[in-house]
Amino acid sequence: MAGNVGDTAHAPAEEAGAPGGTSRPGRAGGPLERLTVNLTARSSRALEEAVRMTGDSKTDTVNRAVQLYALIEEIITSGGTVYVREAGGDELQRLRFI
């Protein structure tokens, strides 16, 4: 799982699925799954900011975010801890999801 987050970085965007509900293969070789989500205002702003910073499509950004979330949850669930350090900072901060 650890390598999955970077596997699709800055690759060309693909559609979430073909018209009519049929799927076509995704980058990992399997079918794509179409999903409708309702974002809070805060999440919508965060998505727009991530798209602006990376230049990735919304689809690619959401895919990477879900993969990263799963990786972090896997680490925490197995007893690990995730720390972050802001640019220019010296202090490590423990990452927590509440």
Protein backbone atom coordinates (compact mmCIF):
# COMPACT_ATOMS: atom_id res chain seq x y z
CA MET A 1 0.00 0.00 0.00
CA ALA A 2 2.83 2.41 0.76
CA GLY A 3 3.73 2.92 -2.90
CA ASN A 4 0.21 3.55 -4.14
CA VAL A 5 -0.04 7.27 -3.41
CA GLY A 6 2.67 8.33 -5.82
CA ASP A 7 1.87 5.81 -8.55
CA THR A 8 -0.51 8.11 -10.42
CA ALA A 9 1.14 11.46 -9.73
CA HIS A 10 0.67 13.91 -12.57
CA ALA A 11 -0.54 11.30 -15.04
CA PRO A 12 -3.09 12.37 -17.69
CA ALA A 13 -6.65 12.63 -16.36
CA GLU A 14 -9.14 9.91 -17.20
CA GLU A 15 -12.90 9.96 -17.10
CA ALA A 16 -14.62 8.41 -14.10
CA GLY A 17 -16.40 5.94 -16.36
CA ALA A 18 -17.81 5.58 -19.83
CA PRO A 19 -21.33 6.85 -20.65
CA GLY A 20 -24.21 4.50 -19.95
CA GLY A 21 -22.75 3.14 -16.73
CA THR A 22 -20.16 0.90 -18.38
CA SER A 23 -16.62 1.02 -17.11
CA ARG A 24 -13.37 1.09 -18.94
CA PRO A 25 -10.02 0.06 -17.48
CA GLY A 26 -8.36 2.38 -15.00
CA ARG A 27 -4.63 3.03 -14.69
CA ALA A 28 -4.22 0.01 -12.41
CA GLY A 29 -5.77 -2.21 -15.08
CA GLY A 30 -9.13 -2.69 -13.37
CA PRO A 31 -12.50 -1.10 -14.07
CA LEU A 32 -13.19 2.42 -12.87
CA GLU A 33 -15.96 3.07 -10.37
CA ARG A 34 -18.21 6.10 -10.79
CA LEU A 35 -18.99 7.79 -7.49
CA THR A 36 -21.08 10.81 -6.57
CA VAL A 37 -20.05 12.65 -3.42
CA ASN A 38 -21.42 15.63 -1.53
CA LEU A 39 -18.58 17.82 -0.29
CA THR A 40 -18.86 20.25 2.58
CA ALA A 41 -17.87 23.83 1.79
CA ARG A 42 -14.55 23.26 3.56
CA SER A 43 -13.81 20.09 1.57
CA SER A 44 -14.81 21.77 -1.68
CA ARG A 45 -12.37 24.62 -1.01
CA ALA A 46 -9.64 22.12 -0.11
CA LEU A 47 -10.24 20.20 -3.35
CA GLU A 48 -10.06 23.39 -5.41
CA GLU A 49 -6.83 24.39 -3.63
CA ALA A 50 -5.25 20.96 -4.19
CA VAL A 51 -6.21 21.06 -7.88
CA ARG A 52 -4.74 24.56 -8.18
CA MET A 53 -1.48 23.58 -6.47
CA THR A 54 -0.91 20.32 -8.37
CA GLY A 55 -2.53 20.96 -11.73
CA ASP A 56 -4.16 17.53 -11.44
CA SER A 57 -7.80 16.96 -12.32
CA LYS A 58 -10.41 16.72 -9.57
CA THR A 59 -10.69 12.99 -10.31
CA ASP A 60 -6.94 12.42 -9.90
CA THR A 61 -6.86 14.59 -6.77
CA VAL A 62 -9.71 12.67 -5.11
CA ASN A 63 -8.11 9.33 -6.08
CA ARG A 64 -4.80 10.36 -4.52
CA ALA A 65 -6.53 11.70 -1.40
CA VAL A 66 -8.41 8.41 -0.84
CA GLN A 67 -5.20 6.42 -1.29
CA LEU A 68 -3.33 8.66 1.16
CA TYR A 69 -6.16 8.45 3.70
CA ALA A 70 -6.16 4.64 3.47
CA LEU A 71 -2.37 4.55 3.94
CA ILE A 72 -2.52 6.78 7.02
CA GLU A 73 -5.39 4.77 8.52
CA GLU A 74 -3.46 1.55 7.86
CA ILE A 75 -0.42 2.93 9.70
CA ILE A 76 -2.48 4.19 12.65
CA THR A 77 -4.66 1.07 12.88
CA SER A 78 -1.57 -1.14 13.01
CA GLY A 79 -0.20 0.86 15.95
CA GLY A 80 2.00 3.28 14.06
CA THR A 81 2.11 7.05 14.29
CA VAL A 82 2.32 9.64 11.51
CA TYR A 83 4.15 12.92 12.04
CA VAL A 84 4.39 16.03 9.86
CA ARG A 85 6.77 18.97 9.91
CA GLU A 86 5.86 22.26 8.29
CA ALA A 87 8.35 23.78 5.85
CA GLY A 88 10.97 25.71 7.74
CA GLY A 89 9.84 24.27 11.05
CA ASP A 90 11.75 22.15 13.50
CA GLU A 91 8.85 20.68 15.45
CA LEU A 92 7.20 17.40 14.52
CA GLN A 93 3.45 17.32 14.93
CA ARG A 94 1.50 14.10 15.32
CA LEU A 95 -1.14 13.68 12.63
CA ARG A 96 -4.56 12.70 14.02
CA PHE A 97 -7.95 12.15 12.47
CA ILE A 98 -10.89 12.86 14.74
